[in-house]
């Protein structure tokens, strides 16, 4: 309306409140805000919180925890701990091995063959020249082993009476004296005597008549040598060797150096089987006054036969043995296992399929007796 004066309603405008700091007339509602209490008036409920008791009133359950015992009350079980033995128990470990160590699966090494004997390249005493060795090798290539032959009636009687004759080598310098007993000889070699050997004219083992494949009986051949003198006091090289050879054999070589031969050498005590090198350790050197002997025993093996080798596919078991002063001192199997570096040759001629002759090798000045008569032996093979 005109002329009328408008007056606003009493109170503040809607949706706005005057700040209590600027409007002295604004009054806060009585009491604290709804979400907050005065700290000085707050009082907690009596007793501890429901989830936590007072520590001073806590008491653990009686007894130790379920998974642990007091050390002072622990007692170990009787006896030693498993898989462990004390020093007083060690003496029975071999009889009572741990249950988890089954030693019975380990093979018995006693059933295995002995390890091969080490082979030497040279002898520590005396060695023949390489030229002589090559000459003997060429000679053996041109003269193959003889085929076994039937003995005549005269030869059989001579063997039966031990009336063996010796064949003299060209290289031998000295004297050979037959003694009163058949098959016994005195030999004197001079200081100039080069390497050589004396062999029997008849075989001690005749393959056609003596082979166990024919007779079904084992056959043993053996002879002895009595050493009387070895060299002089001037330190000359001297030696005697005993062995067996299959004919023909080069007479300027000792037994054991070439094919179809074996021998034990008295200068170094080694054994040789088709070995032009240094042999294998076997025994001690021969000494003056000693009687040494060598033998071979051929028989059909007791184990299942080995076919594909030897006559009619059967190989004989051949054992060599050596004696000193009437006692057996050692031996070896002709078919022994060899070391991979063993340079010795094959044993062809020594397997009982060829005739075998007694052989005594020598070099330097020496005196000895050859005993082919069993009645004069110190050792008597079974």
Protein backbone atom coordinates (compact mmCIF):
# COMPACT_ATOMS: atom_id res chain seq x y z
CA UNK A 1 0.00 0.00 0.00
CA UNK A 2 1.08 3.56 -0.73
CA UNK A 3 2.29 5.55 2.10
CA UNK A 4 2.43 2.62 4.49
CA UNK A 5 5.78 1.83 6.05
CA UNK A 6 6.95 -1.85 5.83
CA UNK A 7 8.28 -3.43 8.97
CA UNK A 8 10.23 -6.75 8.83
CA UNK A 9 9.09 -9.51 11.03
CA UNK A 10 10.69 -9.89 14.37
CA UNK A 11 13.75 -12.13 14.71
CA UNK A 12 16.54 -12.90 12.34
CA UNK A 13 16.01 -13.75 8.72
CA UNK A 14 15.25 -17.40 7.96
CA UNK A 15 18.25 -19.85 7.29
CA UNK A 16 20.77 -17.65 9.01
CA UNK A 17 21.81 -17.39 12.53
CA UNK A 18 23.87 -14.63 13.84
CA UNK A 19 27.34 -15.66 14.96
CA UNK A 20 27.43 -15.84 18.69
CA UNK A 21 30.70 -14.02 18.56
CA UNK A 22 29.09 -11.05 16.82
CA UNK A 23 25.66 -11.20 18.33
CA UNK A 24 25.61 -10.87 22.01
CA UNK A 25 22.01 -11.80 22.10
CA UNK A 26 22.61 -15.38 20.73
CA UNK A 27 22.57 -17.99 23.51
CA UNK A 28 23.86 -21.60 23.21
CA UNK A 29 21.65 -24.35 24.35
CA UNK A 30 22.34 -25.57 27.83
CA UNK A 31 24.65 -28.54 28.39
CA UNK A 32 27.48 -30.01 26.32
CA UNK A 33 27.07 -30.99 22.72
CA UNK A 34 25.26 -34.31 22.28
CA UNK A 35 28.41 -36.17 21.11
CA UNK A 36 30.78 -35.06 23.83
CA UNK A 37 30.81 -35.21 27.58
CA UNK A 38 32.83 -33.14 29.94
CA UNK A 39 35.99 -35.18 30.81
CA UNK A 40 35.83 -34.12 34.36
CA UNK A 41 32.41 -35.62 34.70
CA UNK A 42 33.18 -38.97 32.92
CA UNK A 43 33.25 -41.99 35.26
CA UNK A 44 34.22 -45.50 33.85
CA UNK A 45 32.26 -48.49 34.96
CA UNK A 46 33.61 -50.42 37.90
CA UNK A 47 35.96 -53.41 37.32
CA UNK A 48 38.35 -54.22 34.52
CA UNK A 49 37.30 -54.22 30.88
CA UNK A 50 35.40 -57.35 29.96
CA UNK A 51 38.22 -58.67 27.65
CA UNK A 52 41.23 -58.21 29.92
CA UNK A 53 41.52 -59.34 33.54
CA UNK A 54 43.81 -57.60 35.98
CA UNK A 55 47.41 -58.98 35.69
CA UNK A 56 47.83 -59.15 39.38
CA UNK A 57 44.93 -61.54 39.62
CA UNK A 58 45.98 -63.83 36.69
CA UNK A 59 47.09 -67.36 37.67
CA UNK A 60 48.36 -69.92 35.05
CA UNK A 61 46.92 -73.41 35.04
CA UNK A 62 48.77 -75.93 37.21
CA UNK A 63 51.56 -78.03 35.69
CA UNK A 64 53.95 -77.43 32.73
CA UNK A 65 52.65 -76.43 29.29
CA UNK A 66 51.37 -79.42 27.31
CA UNK A 67 54.30 -79.41 24.77
CA UNK A 68 57.22 -78.96 27.13
CA UNK A 69 58.51 -80.71 30.23
CA UNK A 70 60.76 -79.28 32.82
CA UNK A 71 64.42 -80.12 31.97
CA UNK A 72 65.17 -81.14 35.47
CA UNK A 73 62.59 -83.89 35.26
CA UNK A 74 63.57 -85.19 31.75
CA UNK A 75 65.13 -88.68 31.63
CA UNK A 76 66.52 -90.08 28.29
CA UNK A 77 65.53 -93.59 27.21
CA UNK A 78 67.98 -96.36 28.13
CA UNK A 79 70.72 -97.40 25.66
CA UNK A 80 72.62 -95.44 23.00
CA UNK A 81 70.79 -93.09 20.66
CA UNK A 82 69.63 -94.67 17.38
CA UNK A 83 72.30 -94.83 14.59
CA UNK A 84 75.04 -93.96 17.06
CA UNK A 85 77.38 -96.16 19.04
CA UNK A 86 79.72 -95.42 21.89
CA UNK A 87 83.34 -96.55 22.03
CA UNK A 88 82.41 -99.49 24.22
CA UNK A 89 79.87 -100.55 21.64
CA UNK A 90 82.12 -100.18 18.58
CA UNK A 91 83.52 -103.70 18.80
CA UNK A 92 80.14 -105.16 17.87
CA UNK A 93 79.28 -102.79 15.03
CA UNK A 94 80.52 -105.24 12.42
CA UNK A 95 78.18 -107.89 13.82
CA UNK A 96 75.26 -105.54 14.43
CA UNK A 97 75.22 -102.92 11.65
CA UNK A 98 72.65 -100.13 11.73
CA UNK A 99 69.26 -101.37 10.57
CA UNK A 100 69.26 -98.98 7.60
CA UNK A 101 72.70 -100.10 6.33
CA UNK A 102 72.18 -103.41 4.58
CA UNK A 103 75.81 -104.48 4.09
CA UNK A 104 74.69 -107.92 2.88
CA UNK A 105 74.07 -106.47 -0.59
CA UNK A 106 77.82 -105.76 -0.98
CA UNK A 107 79.48 -108.62 -2.93
CA UNK A 108 82.05 -110.77 -1.17
CA UNK A 109 85.41 -109.66 -2.59
CA UNK A 110 86.95 -112.96 -1.52
CA UNK A 111 85.11 -114.54 -4.45
CA UNK A 112 86.74 -112.17 -6.94
CA UNK A 113 90.00 -113.08 -8.71
CA UNK A 114 93.17 -111.52 -7.29
CA UNK A 115 94.31 -108.27 -8.85
CA UNK A 116 96.83 -108.63 -11.68
CA UNK A 117 100.53 -108.45 -10.81
CA UNK A 118 102.25 -105.27 -11.91
CA UNK A 119 104.44 -105.56 -14.98
CA UNK A 120 107.88 -103.93 -15.32
CA UNK A 121 109.49 -102.43 -18.40
CA UNK A 122 113.10 -103.31 -17.49
CA UNK A 123 114.94 -105.51 -15.01
CA UNK A 124 116.81 -103.84 -12.12
CA UNK A 125 119.84 -106.10 -12.65
CA UNK A 126 120.74 -107.13 -16.21
CA UNK A 127 118.97 -106.52 -19.52
CA UNK A 128 119.64 -107.95 -22.95
CA UNK A 129 120.13 -105.58 -25.85
CA UNK A 130 117.24 -104.51 -28.03
CA UNK A 131 119.11 -105.86 -31.04
CA UNK A 132 119.16 -109.37 -29.58
CA UNK A 133 115.47 -109.12 -28.73
CA UNK A 134 114.55 -108.04 -32.25
CA UNK A 135 116.66 -110.85 -33.72
CA UNK A 136 114.89 -113.42 -31.54
CA UNK A 137 111.50 -112.00 -32.48
CA UNK A 138 112.28 -112.31 -36.18
CA UNK A 139 113.58 -115.84 -35.63
CA UNK A 140 110.34 -116.88 -33.91
CA UNK A 141 108.32 -115.45 -36.79
CA UNK A 142 110.24 -117.64 -39.22
CA UNK A 143 110.12 -120.76 -37.03
CA UNK A 144 106.59 -121.53 -35.78
CA UNK A 145 105.99 -123.93 -32.90
CA UNK A 146 106.29 -127.61 -33.68
CA UNK A 147 103.18 -129.73 -33.88
CA UNK A 148 103.10 -132.30 -31.01
CA UNK A 149 104.58 -135.60 -32.09
CA UNK A 150 104.28 -139.21 -31.04
CA UNK A 151 107.24 -140.51 -29.05
CA UNK A 152 109.19 -143.50 -30.18
CA UNK A 153 109.54 -146.59 -28.03
CA UNK A 154 113.12 -145.58 -27.19
CA UNK A 155 112.01 -142.08 -26.15
CA UNK A 156 109.30 -143.48 -23.88
CA UNK A 157 111.82 -145.74 -22.12
CA UNK A 158 114.26 -142.86 -21.70
CA UNK A 159 111.60 -140.69 -20.08
CA UNK A 160 110.49 -143.54 -17.86
CA UNK A 161 114.08 -143.90 -16.58
CA UNK A 162 114.55 -140.08 -16.33
CA UNK A 163 117.40 -140.46 -18.80
CA UNK A 164 117.10 -136.98 -20.28
CA UNK A 165 119.92 -135.61 -22.43
CA UNK A 166 120.79 -131.91 -22.68
CA UNK A 167 121.12 -129.96 -25.89
CA UNK A 168 124.05 -127.56 -25.86
CA UNK A 169 123.49 -124.02 -27.17
CA UNK A 170 125.97 -122.44 -29.58
CA UNK A 171 126.32 -119.42 -27.33
CA UNK A 172 127.26 -121.51 -24.28
CA UNK A 173 130.90 -121.35 -23.21
CA UNK A 174 131.86 -123.83 -20.52
CA UNK A 175 131.51 -127.50 -19.70
CA UNK A 176 128.64 -129.95 -19.10
CA UNK A 177 129.40 -133.11 -17.08
CA UNK A 178 126.91 -136.00 -16.77
CA UNK A 179 126.75 -137.27 -13.17
CA UNK A 180 126.31 -140.82 -11.96
CA UNK A 181 122.51 -140.65 -11.67
CA UNK A 182 120.51 -140.52 -14.91
CA UNK A 183 119.12 -137.08 -15.64
CA UNK A 184 121.65 -135.20 -13.48
CA UNK A 185 124.33 -132.84 -14.83
CA UNK A 186 127.05 -130.55 -13.57
CA UNK A 187 127.35 -127.28 -15.55
CA UNK A 188 130.25 -124.82 -15.43
CA UNK A 189 129.77 -121.61 -17.41
CA UNK A 190 132.71 -119.26 -17.99
CA UNK A 191 132.72 -115.53 -17.31
CA UNK A 192 132.46 -114.92 -21.06
CA UNK A 193 129.22 -116.90 -21.33
CA UNK A 194 126.59 -114.74 -23.04
CA UNK A 195 122.82 -115.12 -22.70
CA UNK A 196 121.94 -118.70 -23.59
CA UNK A 197 119.91 -121.69 -22.46
CA UNK A 198 120.21 -125.46 -22.17
CA UNK A 199 117.15 -127.58 -22.93
CA UNK A 200 116.31 -131.26 -22.68
CA UNK A 201 116.37 -133.27 -25.89
CA UNK A 202 113.10 -135.00 -24.95
CA UNK A 203 109.98 -133.21 -23.71
CA UNK A 204 109.06 -133.55 -20.06
CA UNK A 205 105.47 -133.05 -21.19
CA UNK A 206 104.41 -134.75 -24.43
CA UNK A 207 101.02 -133.36 -25.41
CA UNK A 208 99.95 -136.42 -27.42
CA UNK A 209 100.62 -138.90 -24.60
CA UNK A 210 100.44 -136.78 -21.41
CA UNK A 211 97.53 -134.42 -22.04
CA UNK A 212 94.72 -134.76 -19.47
CA UNK A 213 92.33 -134.49 -22.39
CA UNK A 214 93.61 -137.89 -23.49
CA UNK A 215 94.39 -139.56 -20.16
CA UNK A 216 91.73 -137.80 -18.02
CA UNK A 217 94.44 -137.64 -15.34
CA UNK A 218 96.29 -134.47 -14.24
CA UNK A 219 99.90 -134.26 -15.41
CA UNK A 220 102.75 -132.57 -13.49
CA UNK A 221 106.27 -131.88 -14.78
CA UNK A 222 109.06 -130.62 -12.55
CA UNK A 223 112.85 -130.35 -12.17
CA UNK A 224 115.39 -128.71 -9.87
CA UNK A 225 118.65 -126.77 -10.09
CA UNK A 226 121.27 -126.68 -7.33
CA UNK A 227 123.09 -123.31 -7.33
CA UNK A 228 126.77 -123.80 -6.45
CA UNK A 229 128.52 -120.61 -7.62
CA UNK A 230 127.36 -117.25 -8.94
CA UNK A 231 130.07 -115.13 -10.52
CA UNK A 232 133.28 -114.00 -8.85
CA UNK A 233 134.34 -111.22 -6.54
CA UNK A 234 134.75 -108.65 -9.32
CA UNK A 235 131.05 -107.79 -9.49
CA UNK A 236 130.38 -109.31 -12.90
CA UNK A 237 126.83 -109.72 -14.17
CA UNK A 238 125.68 -113.28 -13.64
CA UNK A 239 122.38 -115.07 -13.52
CA UNK A 240 120.56 -118.40 -13.73
CA UNK A 241 116.97 -118.93 -14.86
CA UNK A 242 114.72 -122.01 -14.69
CA UNK A 243 111.66 -122.63 -16.83
CA UNK A 244 109.94 -124.47 -19.67
CA UNK A 245 109.87 -123.83 -23.42
CA UNK A 246 107.95 -125.12 -26.40
CA UNK A 247 110.17 -126.01 -29.38
CA UNK A 248 111.73 -124.52 -31.31
CA UNK A 249 113.23 -121.83 -29.10
CA UNK A 250 116.08 -119.34 -29.80
CA UNK A 251 119.08 -120.61 -27.84
CA UNK A 252 120.48 -117.12 -27.11
CA UNK A 253 117.42 -116.15 -25.07
CA UNK A 254 116.55 -117.03 -21.45
CA UNK A 255 113.32 -118.92 -20.74
CA UNK A 256 110.35 -116.59 -20.46
CA UNK A 257 111.63 -113.99 -22.91
CA UNK A 258 110.05 -115.35 -26.10
CA UNK A 259 106.84 -117.00 -27.23
CA UNK A 260 106.00 -120.43 -25.88
CA UNK A 261 108.18 -120.03 -22.78
CA UNK A 262 108.08 -119.15 -19.09
CA UNK A 263 110.73 -118.86 -16.42
CA UNK A 264 111.82 -117.56 -13.02
CA UNK A 265 115.08 -115.57 -13.18
CA UNK A 266 117.53 -115.75 -10.32
CA UNK A 267 119.21 -112.37 -10.83
CA UNK A 268 116.09 -110.27 -10.13
CA UNK A 269 113.66 -112.87 -8.70
CA UNK A 270 111.00 -112.02 -11.27
CA UNK A 271 108.86 -114.31 -13.39
CA UNK A 272 108.60 -114.02 -17.15
CA UNK A 273 106.00 -115.39 -19.57
CA UNK A 274 106.65 -114.50 -23.23
CA UNK A 275 107.99 -111.22 -21.86
CA UNK A 276 110.89 -109.35 -23.45
CA UNK A 277 110.61 -106.52 -20.93
CA UNK A 278 111.11 -106.50 -17.15
CA UNK A 279 108.90 -109.33 -15.89
CA UNK A 280 106.75 -109.36 -12.76
CA UNK A 281 107.77 -109.39 -9.10
CA UNK A 282 107.68 -112.92 -7.75
CA UNK A 283 110.45 -114.11 -5.41
CA UNK A 284 113.92 -113.31 -4.13
CA UNK A 285 117.20 -113.69 -6.03
CA UNK A 286 118.88 -117.09 -6.12
CA UNK A 287 121.77 -117.60 -3.69
CA UNK A 288 124.71 -119.97 -3.67
CA UNK A 289 123.90 -123.25 -1.93
CA UNK A 290 120.15 -123.07 -2.64
CA UNK A 291 118.09 -125.62 -4.53
CA UNK A 292 115.37 -124.09 -6.71
CA UNK A 293 112.71 -125.93 -8.68
CA UNK A 294 109.97 -125.14 -11.14
CA UNK A 295 106.97 -127.19 -12.22
CA UNK A 296 103.75 -127.11 -14.22
CA UNK A 297 100.51 -128.95 -13.53
CA UNK A 298 97.92 -129.48 -16.27
CA UNK A 299 94.41 -130.71 -15.51
CA UNK A 300 90.84 -130.51 -16.73
CA UNK A 301 89.17 -127.59 -14.91
CA UNK A 302 86.58 -128.47 -12.30
CA UNK A 303 84.38 -125.50 -13.23
CA UNK A 304 82.27 -125.53 -16.40
CA UNK A 305 84.58 -125.73 -19.43
CA UNK A 306 85.43 -122.71 -21.53
CA UNK A 307 84.69 -123.47 -25.15
CA UNK A 308 86.26 -121.84 -28.17
CA UNK A 309 89.85 -122.02 -26.89
CA UNK A 310 92.42 -124.77 -27.25
CA UNK A 311 92.08 -128.21 -28.78
CA UNK A 312 88.53 -129.44 -29.29
CA UNK A 313 87.29 -126.19 -27.76
CA UNK A 314 88.42 -127.05 -24.20
CA UNK A 315 91.09 -125.14 -22.29
CA UNK A 316 93.14 -126.90 -19.62
CA UNK A 317 93.84 -125.42 -16.24
CA UNK A 318 97.61 -124.82 -16.11
CA UNK A 319 99.34 -123.88 -12.85
CA UNK A 320 103.01 -122.97 -12.51
CA UNK A 321 104.74 -123.42 -9.14
CA UNK A 322 108.19 -122.60 -7.78
CA UNK A 323 110.14 -124.19 -4.91
CA UNK A 324 113.18 -123.26 -2.87
CA UNK A 325 115.12 -125.73 -0.70
CA UNK A 326 112.37 -128.32 -0.86
CA UNK A 327 109.48 -125.98 0.00
CA UNK A 328 106.87 -124.53 -2.28
CA UNK A 329 107.32 -120.75 -2.41
CA UNK A 330 104.73 -119.49 -4.90
CA UNK A 331 103.05 -119.92 -8.24
CA UNK A 332 100.60 -118.48 -10.75
CA UNK A 333 97.92 -119.43 -13.24
CA UNK A 334 99.05 -119.38 -16.87
CA UNK A 335 95.67 -117.87 -17.79
CA UNK A 336 95.87 -115.18 -15.10
CA UNK A 337 94.22 -111.82 -15.61
CA UNK A 338 96.62 -109.16 -16.85
CA UNK A 339 96.94 -105.47 -16.19
CA UNK A 340 95.88 -103.28 -19.11
CA UNK A 341 99.44 -102.00 -19.46
CA UNK A 342 101.00 -105.48 -19.36
CA UNK A 343 103.17 -105.79 -22.46
CA UNK A 344 103.87 -109.51 -22.13
CA UNK A 345 102.58 -111.69 -24.92
CA UNK A 346 100.19 -114.58 -25.34
CA UNK A 347 100.54 -117.96 -23.64
CA UNK A 348 100.38 -120.02 -26.83
CA UNK A 349 102.55 -123.11 -26.44
CA UNK A 350 102.07 -123.22 -22.64
CA UNK A 351 98.44 -124.34 -22.49
CA UNK A 352 99.09 -128.07 -22.61
CA UNK A 353 98.62 -128.38 -26.37
CA UNK A 354 102.35 -128.45 -27.25
CA UNK A 355 105.36 -130.44 -26.07
CA UNK A 356 107.25 -128.73 -23.25
CA UNK A 357 110.98 -129.03 -22.53
CA UNK A 358 112.93 -128.24 -19.36
CA UNK A 359 115.10 -125.16 -19.84
CA UNK A 360 117.92 -123.57 -17.81
CA UNK A 361 119.13 -120.14 -18.88
CA UNK A 362 122.36 -118.42 -17.83
CA UNK A 363 124.79 -115.58 -18.40
CA UNK A 364 128.17 -114.90 -16.80
CA UNK A 365 130.32 -117.30 -14.81
CA UNK A 366 128.34 -119.79 -12.75
CA UNK A 367 128.26 -123.39 -11.59
CA UNK A 368 125.15 -125.43 -10.93
CA UNK A 369 123.63 -128.89 -11.13
CA UNK A 370 120.54 -129.78 -13.16
CA UNK A 371 118.41 -132.49 -11.53
CA UNK A 372 115.82 -134.14 -13.79
CA UNK A 373 115.68 -137.39 -11.80
CA UNK A 374 112.81 -137.47 -9.23
CA UNK A 375 114.90 -139.65 -6.90
CA UNK A 376 117.28 -136.71 -6.37
CA UNK A 377 114.69 -133.98 -5.79
CA UNK A 378 114.23 -132.16 -2.49
CA UNK A 379 110.62 -131.41 -3.30
CA UNK A 380 108.17 -134.04 -4.53
CA UNK A 381 105.01 -132.67 -6.18
CA UNK A 382 101.80 -134.51 -5.46
